[in-house]
Protein backbone atom coordinates (compact mmCIF):
# COMPACT_ATOMS: atom_id res chain seq x y z
CA MET A 1 0.00 0.00 0.00
CA PRO A 2 1.47 3.42 -0.97
CA ILE A 3 2.72 5.60 1.93
CA ARG A 4 0.46 8.47 0.79
CA THR A 5 -2.61 6.26 1.18
CA ILE A 6 -1.59 5.19 4.71
CA LEU A 7 -1.02 8.78 5.82
CA ARG A 8 -4.53 9.72 4.61
CA SER A 9 -6.13 6.95 6.72
CA PRO A 10 -8.53 8.27 9.45
CA LEU A 11 -7.19 5.62 11.87
CA VAL A 12 -3.68 7.04 11.57
CA HIS A 13 -5.04 10.53 12.23
CA PHE A 14 -6.85 9.29 15.34
CA PHE A 15 -3.73 7.69 16.87
CA ALA A 16 -1.63 10.75 16.09
CA LEU A 17 -4.15 13.10 17.71
CA ALA A 18 -4.45 10.84 20.79
CA GLY A 19 -0.66 10.73 21.17
CA PHE A 20 -0.45 14.51 20.93
CA ILE A 21 -3.13 15.02 23.58
CA PHE A 22 -1.47 12.52 25.94
CA ALA A 23 1.92 14.21 25.53
CA LEU A 24 0.41 17.64 26.12
CA TYR A 25 -1.41 16.45 29.25
CA THR A 26 1.83 15.01 30.61
CA VAL A 27 3.68 18.30 30.12
CA LEU A 28 0.95 20.50 31.58
CA ASP A 29 -0.10 18.27 34.50
CA ASP A 30 1.27 19.76 37.74
CA ALA A 31 -0.27 17.23 40.14
CA PRO A 32 2.25 15.73 42.55
CA ALA A 33 3.66 12.38 41.56
CA THR A 34 2.13 9.39 43.27
CA PRO A 35 4.59 8.15 45.89
CA ALA A 36 6.24 4.87 45.16
CA PRO A 37 4.59 1.95 46.87
CA ASP A 38 6.35 0.55 49.94
CA ALA A 39 8.40 3.70 50.46
CA ILE A 40 11.03 3.38 53.17
CA THR A 41 11.08 6.48 55.36
CA LEU A 42 13.02 7.13 58.55
CA SER A 43 11.95 10.09 60.64
CA PRO A 44 14.53 12.17 62.56
CA GLU A 45 13.01 10.93 65.82
CA GLU A 46 13.46 7.28 64.80
CA ALA A 47 17.02 8.03 63.66
CA GLY A 48 17.62 9.60 67.06
CA ARG A 49 16.72 6.31 68.69
CA LEU A 50 19.38 4.59 66.57
CA VAL A 51 21.92 7.10 67.85
CA THR A 52 20.78 6.57 71.46
CA ARG A 53 21.15 2.80 71.10
CA PHE A 54 24.65 3.23 69.65
CA THR A 55 25.63 5.55 72.50
CA LYS A 56 24.40 3.11 75.16
CA THR A 57 26.24 0.23 73.50
CA TRP A 58 29.59 1.96 72.93
CA ASN A 59 29.47 4.58 75.72
CA ARG A 60 30.05 7.38 73.22
CA PRO A 61 28.06 9.21 70.56
CA PRO A 62 28.56 8.13 66.93
CA SER A 63 30.44 10.23 64.40
CA ALA A 64 28.67 11.70 61.37
CA GLU A 65 30.03 8.85 59.24
CA GLU A 66 28.79 6.28 61.74
CA VAL A 67 25.35 7.90 61.76
CA LYS A 68 25.24 7.54 57.97
CA GLY A 69 26.14 3.89 58.40
CA LEU A 70 23.43 3.39 61.03
CA ILE A 71 20.81 4.94 58.78
CA ARG A 72 21.86 2.93 55.74
CA ALA A 73 21.91 -0.28 57.79
CA TRP A 74 18.40 0.48 59.05
CA ALA A 75 17.15 1.04 55.45
CA LEU A 76 18.76 -2.21 54.28
CA GLU A 77 17.24 -4.13 57.18
CA GLU A 78 13.82 -2.65 56.45
CA ALA A 79 14.09 -3.57 52.78
CA TYR A 80 15.28 -7.10 53.55
CA VAL A 81 12.48 -7.67 56.04
CA ARG A 82 9.78 -6.35 53.71
CA ASP A 83 10.95 -8.47 50.80
CA ALA A 84 11.27 -11.54 53.04
CA LEU A 85 7.71 -11.03 54.30
CA ALA A 86 6.46 -10.49 50.75
CA LEU A 87 8.07 -13.77 49.72
CA GLY A 88 6.51 -15.52 52.71
CA LEU A 89 9.89 -16.51 54.12
CA ASP A 90 8.55 -16.05 57.64
CA GLN A 91 6.00 -18.80 57.15
CA GLY A 92 6.85 -21.97 59.05
CA ASP A 93 10.07 -20.48 60.48
CA GLN A 94 10.14 -21.47 64.16
CA VAL A 95 12.86 -18.94 65.03
CA ILE A 96 10.86 -16.02 63.64
CA ARG A 97 7.65 -17.23 65.23
CA GLN A 98 9.41 -17.56 68.59
CA ARG A 99 10.86 -14.05 68.36
CA LEU A 100 7.47 -12.58 67.48
CA MET A 101 5.86 -14.41 70.39
CA LEU A 102 8.56 -13.18 72.78
CA LYS A 103 8.00 -9.60 71.63
CA MET A 104 4.27 -9.91 72.21
CA GLN A 105 4.91 -11.38 75.66
CA PHE A 106 7.22 -8.46 76.41
CA LEU A 107 4.46 -6.04 75.44
CA ALA A 108 1.98 -7.94 77.59
CA GLU A 109 4.30 -7.79 80.62
CA SER A 110 5.62 -4.26 80.15
CA GLY A 111 3.00 -2.73 82.43
CA ALA A 112 4.50 -4.53 85.43
CA ALA A 113 7.48 -2.15 85.38
CA ALA A 114 5.12 0.77 86.09
CA GLU A 115 3.37 -0.92 89.01
CA LYS A 116 3.90 0.85 92.33
CA ALA A 117 5.70 -1.38 94.81
CA ASP A 118 4.59 0.07 98.16
CA ASP A 119 5.35 -1.64 101.47
CA ALA A 120 1.77 -2.83 101.92
CA ALA A 121 1.77 -4.68 98.59
CA LEU A 122 5.20 -6.18 99.23
CA GLN A 123 4.32 -7.25 102.78
CA ALA A 124 1.16 -8.94 101.49
CA TYR A 125 3.21 -10.79 98.87
CA LEU A 126 5.74 -11.82 101.54
CA ASN A 127 2.95 -13.11 103.78
CA GLU A 128 1.46 -15.12 100.90
CA ASN A 129 4.81 -16.67 99.92
CA PRO A 130 6.84 -17.13 103.13
CA GLU A 131 8.66 -20.27 101.93
CA ARG A 132 10.16 -18.35 99.02
CA PHE A 133 11.93 -15.98 101.39
CA ARG A 134 12.53 -18.06 104.50
CA GLN A 135 16.22 -18.22 105.32
CA PRO A 136 17.38 -21.81 105.98
CA GLY A 137 18.84 -22.92 109.27
CA ARG A 138 22.62 -22.73 109.67
CA LEU A 139 25.00 -25.13 111.39
CA ALA A 140 28.61 -25.14 112.50
CA PHE A 141 30.23 -28.51 113.17
CA SER A 142 33.30 -30.71 113.15
CA GLN A 143 33.36 -34.18 111.59
CA VAL A 144 35.49 -37.28 111.41
CA LEU A 145 35.03 -39.73 108.55
CA LEU A 146 35.19 -43.31 109.78
CA PRO A 147 37.28 -45.87 107.86
CA PRO A 148 35.08 -47.87 105.47
CA GLY A 149 33.78 -51.15 106.88
CA ARG A 150 34.83 -50.30 110.44
CA ALA A 151 31.63 -48.83 111.91
CA GLU A 152 32.18 -50.97 114.99
CA GLU A 153 35.10 -48.70 115.90
CA ALA A 154 32.78 -45.67 116.23
CA PRO A 155 32.39 -45.95 120.07
CA LYS A 156 36.16 -46.17 120.60
CA ILE A 157 36.86 -43.21 118.27
CA ARG A 158 34.08 -41.19 119.87
CA ALA A 159 35.55 -41.85 123.33
CA ALA A 160 38.96 -40.70 122.10
CA LEU A 161 37.44 -37.51 120.70
CA GLU A 162 35.62 -36.82 123.96
CA ASN A 163 38.93 -37.22 125.80
CA GLY A 164 40.50 -34.49 123.64
CA THR A 165 42.31 -36.48 120.97
CA ASP A 166 43.01 -34.36 117.85
CA PRO A 167 40.32 -35.28 115.25
CA ALA A 168 42.93 -35.06 112.50
CA THR A 169 44.66 -38.13 113.93
CA LEU A 170 41.49 -40.24 113.85
CA GLY A 171 39.33 -41.63 111.10
CA LYS A 172 39.97 -41.68 107.35
CA ALA A 173 41.80 -38.86 105.59
CA SER A 174 39.70 -37.09 102.98
CA LEU A 175 39.28 -33.79 101.16
CA LEU A 176 36.15 -33.03 103.17
CA PRO A 177 36.47 -30.09 105.59
CA ALA A 178 37.11 -31.26 109.14
CA THR A 179 35.39 -28.16 110.53
CA LEU A 180 32.71 -25.92 109.03
CA PRO A 181 31.74 -22.47 110.31
CA MET A 182 28.08 -21.42 110.37
CA THR A 183 26.82 -22.73 107.01
CA PRO A 184 23.28 -22.92 105.54
CA VAL A 185 21.86 -26.42 105.64
CA PRO A 186 21.34 -26.58 101.82
CA ALA A 187 25.05 -25.78 101.34
CA ILE A 188 25.98 -28.57 103.77
CA ASP A 189 23.84 -30.98 101.75
CA ARG A 190 25.60 -29.92 98.55
CA THR A 191 28.93 -30.91 100.13
CA PHE A 192 28.00 -34.06 102.06
CA GLY A 193 24.87 -35.26 100.24
CA ASP A 194 21.13 -34.77 100.55
CA GLY A 195 19.75 -35.12 104.05
CA PHE A 196 23.07 -34.77 105.88
CA GLY A 197 22.35 -31.26 107.12
CA GLU A 198 18.83 -32.19 108.21
CA THR A 199 20.22 -35.08 110.25
CA LEU A 200 22.74 -32.78 111.91
CA ALA A 201 19.98 -30.32 112.77
CA GLY A 202 18.49 -32.97 115.08
CA LEU A 203 21.71 -33.66 117.00
CA ALA A 204 22.57 -32.29 120.40
CA GLU A 205 25.02 -29.43 120.45
CA GLY A 206 28.50 -29.60 121.98
CA ARG A 207 29.20 -33.34 121.97
CA TRP A 208 30.30 -35.97 119.49
CA GLU A 209 27.38 -37.87 117.96
CA GLY A 210 26.93 -40.52 115.30
CA PRO A 211 27.67 -42.30 113.18
CA VAL A 212 25.85 -40.11 110.62
CA LYS A 213 25.68 -41.35 107.02
CA SER A 214 26.73 -39.10 104.12
CA SER A 215 27.52 -39.69 100.46
CA TYR A 216 31.09 -40.53 101.52
CA GLY A 217 30.42 -42.93 104.37
CA LEU A 218 29.85 -42.71 108.12
CA HIS A 219 30.88 -39.73 110.24
CA LEU A 220 31.16 -38.79 113.87
CA VAL A 221 29.94 -35.22 114.21
CA ARG A 222 30.02 -32.51 116.87
CA VAL A 223 27.61 -29.61 116.30
CA THR A 224 29.17 -26.39 117.64
CA GLY A 225 26.52 -23.83 116.65
CA ARG A 226 23.12 -23.47 115.03
CA THR A 227 20.46 -20.99 114.01
CA GLU A 228 16.93 -21.96 113.12
CA ALA A 229 15.23 -21.25 109.81
CA ALA A 230 13.48 -17.87 109.95
CA LEU A 231 11.50 -15.46 107.81
CA PRO A 232 13.35 -12.11 107.77
CA PRO A 233 11.42 -8.83 108.12
CA LEU A 234 10.54 -7.02 104.89
CA ALA A 235 13.06 -4.26 105.57
CA GLU A 236 15.95 -6.75 105.31
CA ILE A 237 14.89 -8.37 102.03
CA ARG A 238 12.81 -5.64 100.38
CA GLY A 239 14.81 -5.68 97.13
CA ARG A 240 14.39 -9.42 96.64
CA VAL A 241 10.69 -9.32 97.53
CA GLU A 242 10.09 -6.44 95.11
CA THR A 243 11.88 -8.29 92.30
CA GLU A 244 9.76 -11.43 92.77
CA TRP A 245 6.57 -9.41 93.30
CA ARG A 246 7.13 -7.55 90.02
CA ALA A 247 7.86 -10.83 88.22
CA ALA A 248 4.58 -12.23 89.58
CA LYS A 249 2.74 -9.14 88.34
CA ALA A 250 4.30 -9.61 84.90
CA ARG A 251 3.09 -13.23 84.83
CA GLU A 252 -0.42 -12.15 85.82
CA MET A 253 -0.50 -9.53 83.05
CA ARG A 254 0.78 -12.00 80.47
CA GLU A 255 -1.77 -14.63 81.46
CA ALA A 256 -4.61 -12.08 81.27
CA PHE A 257 -3.35 -10.89 77.88
CA GLU A 258 -3.09 -14.45 76.55
CA LYS A 259 -6.59 -15.25 77.74
CA ALA A 260 -8.00 -12.17 76.01
CA LEU A 261 -5.93 -12.91 72.91
CA LEU A 262 -7.27 -16.44 72.50
CA ALA A 263 -10.81 -15.21 73.13
CA ARG A 264 -10.59 -13.24 69.86
CA TYR A 265 -10.27 -16.44 67.86
CA THR A 266 -12.26 -19.58 67.31
CA VAL A 267 -9.74 -22.11 68.55
CA THR A 268 -10.12 -25.74 67.51
CA LEU A 269 -7.49 -28.07 68.92
CA PRO A 270 -7.14 -31.86 68.99
CA SER A 271 -7.09 -33.65 72.32
CA ALA A 272 -3.89 -35.21 73.61
CA ASP A 273 -5.42 -38.67 73.15
CA GLU A 274 -6.11 -37.96 69.48
CA VAL A 275 -2.52 -36.90 68.89
CA LEU A 276 -1.01 -39.85 70.75
CA ALA A 277 -3.29 -42.29 68.93
CA GLN A 278 -1.79 -41.43 65.56
């Protein structure tokens, strides 16, 4: 078809006119450009928090170059996270799910830090949980480890001890301490075995008794001092009580939050029997 015939075609005229109008509209249109989707924007306030975190970590403010690096690292992290979420890389990732859950738990418990810990509240908590704060009994004693298989010698050795014989010259040599100053009963059990301190707590004070069984064998023991288990007054342990009271408040807040959270959903779960039957 000749070029002259094509140029005279009404269809060609229509496309040419439409192109001209579109170009003219583009030049004359002064409306602001539509912002790019998923724009990454960091406000000065948010950037300030990056600087504060750096200062707390390194005990100095960052230089201008380090601030640029902080801002660029934040933008890269934001871009990585957005693309990872868009690709669904968070789905089925137990580490990410655990971190998200921990952050939500932190939010649920954060109100506990603002709770007022007055003496009345702390005393009530102390009264409700005395065993958590009761100080164990303490004992001071000397001991002699009997030679293995020679328990029948205990009366003779005990008589020698009562007559003033040096304990170091009797019994079996060992790395166990021959004498302990005032020591909490749980610490005694950690050295000699469970129940040893409790047995000593029932012995008379000031004379050699036994044999008493430990994890190492049989001992003759002389208790030289003791204090009974006691609940200290709040003034002496206020810091510890406040720490545990605040932790209990945090648990209460988290449990209430979790209950309300689950109430927002229709939860359908299998029974333990169903799972174990598979």
